[in-house]
PDB file of N, CA and C in Angstrom:
ATOM      1  N   MET A   1       0.653  -4.908 -11.967  1.00  0.00           N
ATOM      2  CA  MET A   1       1.988  -5.139 -11.471  1.00  0.00           C
ATOM      3  C   MET A   1       2.921  -4.080 -12.050  1.00  0.00           C
ATOM      4  N   ASN A   2       3.832  -3.631 -11.233  1.00  0.00           N
ATOM      5  CA  ASN A   2       4.791  -2.618 -11.652  1.00  0.00           C
ATOM      6  C   ASN A   2       5.938  -3.284 -12.409  1.00  0.00           C
ATOM      7  N   SER A   3       6.157  -2.863 -13.648  1.00  0.00           N
ATOM      8  CA  SER A   3       7.192  -3.487 -14.473  1.00  0.00           C
ATOM      9  C   SER A   3       8.564  -2.823 -14.308  1.00  0.00           C
ATOM     10  N   LYS A   4       8.626  -1.685 -13.631  1.00  0.00           N
ATOM     11  CA  LYS A   4       9.907  -1.006 -13.434  1.00  0.00           C
ATOM     12  C   LYS A   4      10.717  -1.687 -12.346  1.00  0.00           C
ATOM     13  N   SER A   5      12.009  -1.625 -12.510  1.00  0.00           N
ATOM     14  CA  SER A   5      12.905  -2.135 -11.476  1.00  0.00           C
ATOM     15  C   SER A   5      12.854  -1.196 -10.283  1.00  0.00           C
ATOM     16  N   PRO A   6      13.036  -1.733  -9.081  1.00  0.00           N
ATOM     17  CA  PRO A   6      13.041  -0.850  -7.902  1.00  0.00           C
ATOM     18  C   PRO A   6      14.261   0.066  -7.927  1.00  0.00           C
ATOM     19  N   ILE A   7      14.169   1.145  -7.205  1.00  0.00           N
ATOM     20  CA  ILE A   7      15.269   2.104  -7.132  1.00  0.00           C
ATOM     21  C   ILE A   7      16.360   1.527  -6.233  1.00  0.00           C
ATOM     22  N   THR A   8      17.592   1.603  -6.703  1.00  0.00           N
ATOM     23  CA  THR A   8      18.738   1.093  -5.954  1.00  0.00           C
ATOM     24  C   THR A   8      19.171   2.119  -4.904  1.00  0.00           C
ATOM     25  N   PRO A   9      19.987   1.712  -3.937  1.00  0.00           N
ATOM     26  CA  PRO A   9      20.517   2.691  -2.971  1.00  0.00           C
ATOM     27  C   PRO A   9      21.287   3.820  -3.673  1.00  0.00           C
ATOM     28  N   TYR A  10      22.027   3.471  -4.730  1.00  0.00           N
ATOM     29  CA  TYR A  10      22.728   4.496  -5.506  1.00  0.00           C
ATOM     30  C   TYR A  10      21.720   5.440  -6.160  1.00  0.00           C
ATOM     31  N   GLY A  11      20.627   4.891  -6.637  1.00  0.00           N
ATOM     32  CA  GLY A  11      19.564   5.696  -7.234  1.00  0.00           C
ATOM     33  C   GLY A  11      18.953   6.664  -6.237  1.00  0.00           C
ATOM     34  N   TRP A  12      18.767   6.197  -5.002  1.00  0.00           N
ATOM     35  CA  TRP A  12      18.236   7.081  -3.960  1.00  0.00           C
ATOM     36  C   TRP A  12      19.216   8.196  -3.655  1.00  0.00           C
ATOM     37  N   ALA A  13      20.511   7.905  -3.713  1.00  0.00           N
ATOM     38  CA  ALA A  13      21.523   8.947  -3.488  1.00  0.00           C
ATOM     39  C   ALA A  13      21.434  10.016  -4.579  1.00  0.00           C
ATOM     40  N   ILE A  14      21.229   9.591  -5.815  1.00  0.00           N
ATOM     41  CA  ILE A  14      21.068  10.539  -6.932  1.00  0.00           C
ATOM     42  C   ILE A  14      19.832  11.390  -6.696  1.00  0.00           C
ATOM     43  N   LYS A  15      18.705  10.747  -6.388  1.00  0.00           N
ATOM     44  CA  LYS A  15      17.452  11.476  -6.183  1.00  0.00           C
ATOM     45  C   LYS A  15      17.556  12.449  -5.010  1.00  0.00           C
ATOM     46  N   GLN A  16      18.212  12.024  -3.933  1.00  0.00           N
ATOM     47  CA  GLN A  16      18.372  12.895  -2.776  1.00  0.00           C
ATOM     48  C   GLN A  16      19.191  14.128  -3.136  1.00  0.00           C
ATOM     49  N   ARG A  17      20.271  13.923  -3.864  1.00  0.00           N
ATOM     50  CA  ARG A  17      21.131  15.049  -4.247  1.00  0.00           C
ATOM     51  C   ARG A  17      20.402  16.015  -5.187  1.00  0.00           C
ATOM     52  N   LEU A  18      19.628  15.469  -6.127  1.00  0.00           N
ATOM     53  CA  LEU A  18      18.847  16.329  -7.020  1.00  0.00           C
ATOM     54  C   LEU A  18      17.843  17.161  -6.225  1.00  0.00           C
ATOM     55  N   THR A  19      17.227  16.548  -5.211  1.00  0.00           N
ATOM     56  CA  THR A  19      16.276  17.260  -4.358  1.00  0.00           C
ATOM     57  C   THR A  19      16.975  18.381  -3.594  1.00  0.00           C
ATOM     58  N   GLU A  20      18.160  18.080  -3.069  1.00  0.00           N
ATOM     59  CA  GLU A  20      18.929  19.103  -2.347  1.00  0.00           C
ATOM     60  C   GLU A  20      19.273  20.274  -3.259  1.00  0.00           C
ATOM     61  N   MET A  21      19.491  19.984  -4.529  1.00  0.00           N
ATOM     62  CA  MET A  21      19.840  21.028  -5.502  1.00  0.00           C
ATOM     63  C   MET A  21      18.601  21.709  -6.083  1.00  0.00           C
ATOM     64  N   CYS A  22      17.415  21.243  -5.682  1.00  0.00           N
ATOM     65  CA  CYS A  22      16.137  21.790  -6.158  1.00  0.00           C
ATOM     66  C   CYS A  22      16.021  21.720  -7.680  1.00  0.00           C
ATOM     67  N   VAL A  23      16.358  20.573  -8.242  1.00  0.00           N
ATOM     68  CA  VAL A  23      16.243  20.367  -9.686  1.00  0.00           C
ATOM     69  C   VAL A  23      15.649  18.974  -9.919  1.00  0.00           C
ATOM     70  N   ASN A  24      14.781  18.863 -10.910  1.00  0.00           N
ATOM     71  CA  ASN A  24      14.218  17.548 -11.204  1.00  0.00           C
ATOM     72  C   ASN A  24      15.092  16.819 -12.221  1.00  0.00           C
ATOM     73  N   GLN A  25      14.808  15.526 -12.401  1.00  0.00           N
ATOM     74  CA  GLN A  25      15.629  14.704 -13.277  1.00  0.00           C
ATOM     75  C   GLN A  25      15.643  15.231 -14.709  1.00  0.00           C
ATOM     76  N   LYS A  26      14.492  15.616 -15.212  1.00  0.00           N
ATOM     77  CA  LYS A  26      14.382  16.077 -16.590  1.00  0.00           C
ATOM     78  C   LYS A  26      15.229  17.326 -16.821  1.00  0.00           C
ATOM     79  N   ASP A  27      15.100  18.302 -15.933  1.00  0.00           N
ATOM     80  CA  ASP A  27      15.861  19.545 -16.074  1.00  0.00           C
ATOM     81  C   ASP A  27      17.361  19.291 -15.932  1.00  0.00           C
ATOM     82  N   PHE A  28      17.743  18.451 -14.974  1.00  0.00           N
ATOM     83  CA  PHE A  28      19.157  18.107 -14.783  1.00  0.00           C
ATOM     84  C   PHE A  28      19.730  17.527 -16.066  1.00  0.00           C
ATOM     85  N   CYS A  29      19.009  16.611 -16.675  1.00  0.00           N
ATOM     86  CA  CYS A  29      19.475  15.975 -17.910  1.00  0.00           C
ATOM     87  C   CYS A  29      19.590  16.982 -19.051  1.00  0.00           C
ATOM     88  N   GLN A  30      18.610  17.867 -19.173  1.00  0.00           N
ATOM     89  CA  GLN A  30      18.656  18.875 -20.234  1.00  0.00           C
ATOM     90  C   GLN A  30      19.826  19.827 -20.051  1.00  0.00           C
ATOM     91  N   ILE A  31      20.055  20.260 -18.833  1.00  0.00           N
ATOM     92  CA  ILE A  31      21.131  21.210 -18.548  1.00  0.00           C
ATOM     93  C   ILE A  31      22.497  20.611 -18.878  1.00  0.00           C
ATOM     94  N   HIS A  32      22.687  19.331 -18.562  1.00  0.00           N
ATOM     95  CA  HIS A  32      24.005  18.711 -18.692  1.00  0.00           C
ATOM     96  C   HIS A  32      24.150  17.793 -19.900  1.00  0.00           C
ATOM     97  N   GLY A  33      23.140  17.739 -20.754  1.00  0.00           N
ATOM     98  CA  GLY A  33      23.233  16.946 -21.975  1.00  0.00           C
ATOM     99  C   GLY A  33      23.295  15.448 -21.734  1.00  0.00           C
ATOM    100  N   ILE A  34      22.596  14.992 -20.714  1.00  0.00           N
ATOM    101  CA  ILE A  34      22.552  13.563 -20.387  1.00  0.00           C
ATOM    102  C   ILE A  34      21.211  13.011 -20.853  1.00  0.00           C
ATOM    103  N   PRO A  35      21.208  11.918 -21.605  1.00  0.00           N
ATOM    104  CA  PRO A  35      19.929  11.332 -22.011  1.00  0.00           C
ATOM    105  C   PRO A  35      19.136  10.898 -20.771  1.00  0.00           C
ATOM    106  N   PRO A  36      17.877  11.302 -20.666  1.00  0.00           N
ATOM    107  CA  PRO A  36      17.076  10.946 -19.483  1.00  0.00           C
ATOM    108  C   PRO A  36      17.015   9.448 -19.215  1.00  0.00           C
ATOM    109  N   TYR A  37      17.026   8.642 -20.281  1.00  0.00           N
ATOM    110  CA  TYR A  37      16.947   7.200 -20.068  1.00  0.00           C
ATOM    111  C   TYR A  37      18.216   6.669 -19.409  1.00  0.00           C
ATOM    112  N   ARG A  38      19.361   7.325 -19.611  1.00  0.00           N
ATOM    113  CA  ARG A  38      20.599   6.886 -18.965  1.00  0.00           C
ATOM    114  C   ARG A  38      20.552   7.177 -17.465  1.00  0.00           C
ATOM    115  N   LEU A  39      20.021   8.333 -17.099  1.00  0.00           N
ATOM    116  CA  LEU A  39      19.876   8.644 -15.682  1.00  0.00           C
ATOM    117  C   LEU A  39      18.928   7.637 -15.036  1.00  0.00           C
ATOM    118  N   SER A  40      17.861   7.327 -15.715  1.00  0.00           N
ATOM    119  CA  SER A  40      16.912   6.332 -15.220  1.00  0.00           C
ATOM    120  C   SER A  40      17.579   4.972 -15.076  1.00  0.00           C
ATOM    121  N   ASN A  41      18.414   4.595 -16.054  1.00  0.00           N
ATOM    122  CA  ASN A  41      19.152   3.329 -15.971  1.00  0.00           C
ATOM    123  C   ASN A  41      19.990   3.273 -14.696  1.00  0.00           C
ATOM    124  N   LEU A  42      20.647   4.366 -14.378  1.00  0.00           N
ATOM    125  CA  LEU A  42      21.491   4.400 -13.179  1.00  0.00           C
ATOM    126  C   LEU A  42      20.652   4.356 -11.898  1.00  0.00           C
ATOM    127  N   ILE A  43      19.540   5.053 -11.891  1.00  0.00           N
ATOM    128  CA  ILE A  43      18.677   5.088 -10.709  1.00  0.00           C
ATOM    129  C   ILE A  43      18.096   3.707 -10.410  1.00  0.00           C
ATOM    130  N   HIS A  44      17.735   2.989 -11.469  1.00  0.00           N
ATOM    131  CA  HIS A  44      17.103   1.678 -11.297  1.00  0.00           C
ATOM    132  C   HIS A  44      18.088   0.517 -11.419  1.00  0.00           C
ATOM    133  N   GLY A  45      19.333   0.800 -11.732  1.00  0.00           N
ATOM    134  CA  GLY A  45      20.356  -0.236 -11.805  1.00  0.00           C
ATOM    135  C   GLY A  45      20.194  -1.196 -12.973  1.00  0.00           C
ATOM    136  N   THR A  46      19.535  -0.745 -14.040  1.00  0.00           N
ATOM    137  CA  THR A  46      19.289  -1.632 -15.176  1.00  0.00           C
ATOM    138  C   THR A  46      20.441  -1.643 -16.174  1.00  0.00           C
ATOM    139  N   ARG A  47      21.342  -0.680 -16.061  1.00  0.00           N
ATOM    140  CA  ARG A  47      22.487  -0.609 -16.959  1.00  0.00           C
ATOM    141  C   ARG A  47      23.588   0.188 -16.276  1.00  0.00           C
ATOM    142  N   LYS A  48      24.836  -0.174 -16.531  1.00  0.00           N
ATOM    143  CA  LYS A  48      25.941   0.507 -15.858  1.00  0.00           C
ATOM    144  C   LYS A  48      26.161   1.924 -16.353  1.00  0.00           C
ATOM    145  N   ALA A  49      26.120   2.143 -17.660  1.00  0.00           N
ATOM    146  CA  ALA A  49      26.300   3.478 -18.253  1.00  0.00           C
ATOM    147  C   ALA A  49      27.491   4.203 -17.630  1.00  0.00           C
ATOM    148  N   GLU A  50      28.655   3.563 -17.688  1.00  0.00           N
ATOM    149  CA  GLU A  50      29.854   4.063 -17.011  1.00  0.00           C
ATOM    150  C   GLU A  50      30.196   5.514 -17.341  1.00  0.00           C
ATOM    151  N   ARG A  51      30.116   5.879 -18.616  1.00  0.00           N
ATOM    152  CA  ARG A  51      30.475   7.255 -19.008  1.00  0.00           C
ATOM    153  C   ARG A  51      29.601   8.268 -18.284  1.00  0.00           C
ATOM    154  N   PHE A  52      28.303   8.026 -18.307  1.00  0.00           N
ATOM    155  CA  PHE A  52      27.379   8.967 -17.672  1.00  0.00           C
ATOM    156  C   PHE A  52      27.436   8.859 -16.146  1.00  0.00           C
ATOM    157  N   ARG A  53      27.736   7.671 -15.644  1.00  0.00           N
ATOM    158  CA  ARG A  53      27.852   7.486 -14.198  1.00  0.00           C
ATOM    159  C   ARG A  53      28.960   8.387 -13.642  1.00  0.00           C
ATOM    160  N   ARG A  54      30.113   8.384 -14.288  1.00  0.00           N
ATOM    161  CA  ARG A  54      31.223   9.239 -13.835  1.00  0.00           C
ATOM    162  C   ARG A  54      30.829  10.719 -13.908  1.00  0.00           C
ATOM    163  N   GLN A  55      30.181  11.099 -15.005  1.00  0.00           N
ATOM    164  CA  GLN A  55      29.768  12.497 -15.178  1.00  0.00           C
ATOM    165  C   GLN A  55      28.773  12.908 -14.090  1.00  0.00           C
ATOM    166  N   ILE A  56      27.799  12.059 -13.828  1.00  0.00           N
ATOM    167  CA  ILE A  56      26.780  12.367 -12.820  1.00  0.00           C
ATOM    168  C   ILE A  56      27.394  12.428 -11.432  1.00  0.00           C
ATOM    169  N   GLU A  57      28.318  11.505 -11.139  1.00  0.00           N
ATOM    170  CA  GLU A  57      28.991  11.530  -9.838  1.00  0.00           C
ATOM    171  C   GLU A  57      29.743  12.836  -9.628  1.00  0.00           C
ATOM    172  N   GLU A  58      30.397  13.326 -10.671  1.00  0.00           N
ATOM    173  CA  GLU A  58      31.125  14.591 -10.561  1.00  0.00           C
ATOM    174  C   GLU A  58      30.160  15.764 -10.408  1.00  0.00           C
ATOM    175  N   LEU A  59      29.105  15.794 -11.217  1.00  0.00           N
ATOM    176  CA  LEU A  59      28.162  16.907 -11.177  1.00  0.00           C
ATOM    177  C   LEU A  59      27.397  16.980  -9.859  1.00  0.00           C
ATOM    178  N   LEU A  60      27.072  15.812  -9.297  1.00  0.00           N
ATOM    179  CA  LEU A  60      26.292  15.774  -8.060  1.00  0.00           C
ATOM    180  C   LEU A  60      27.171  15.647  -6.821  1.00  0.00           C
ATOM    181  N   ASN A  61      28.489  15.589  -7.030  1.00  0.00           N
ATOM    182  CA  ASN A  61      29.436  15.447  -5.930  1.00  0.00           C
ATOM    183  C   ASN A  61      29.108  14.211  -5.092  1.00  0.00           C
ATOM    184  N   LEU A  62      28.879  13.098  -5.782  1.00  0.00           N
ATOM    185  CA  LEU A  62      28.629  11.822  -5.122  1.00  0.00           C
ATOM    186  C   LEU A  62      29.947  11.075  -4.987  1.00  0.00           C
ATOM    187  N   PRO A  63      30.053  10.198  -3.986  1.00  0.00           N
ATOM    188  CA  PRO A  63      31.289   9.407  -3.862  1.00  0.00           C
ATOM    189  C   PRO A  63      31.463   8.524  -5.088  1.00  0.00           C
ATOM    190  N   LEU A  64      32.674   8.409  -5.574  1.00  0.00           N
ATOM    191  CA  LEU A  64      32.948   7.578  -6.727  1.00  0.00           C
ATOM    192  C   LEU A  64      32.741   6.122  -6.353  1.00  0.00           C
ATOM    193  N   SER A  65      32.060   5.407  -7.233  1.00  0.00           N
ATOM    194  CA  SER A  65      31.783   3.999  -6.929  1.00  0.00           C
ATOM    195  C   SER A  65      32.703   3.089  -7.694  1.00  0.00           C
TER     196      SER A  65
END
């Protein structure tokens, strides 16, 4: 059984934008100083991580939620 939470629609938007930018999650996090687990939290909806959410929305040009 898969213990991970499913990817949220917001998470798919993040993944789609990263794909459009031709960068993977790990590299994106390293470049911008974001802990990889926080990006994962946002993708799977397991934690709000408001500070990083705002930063990621700005960096990926996603609509503010």
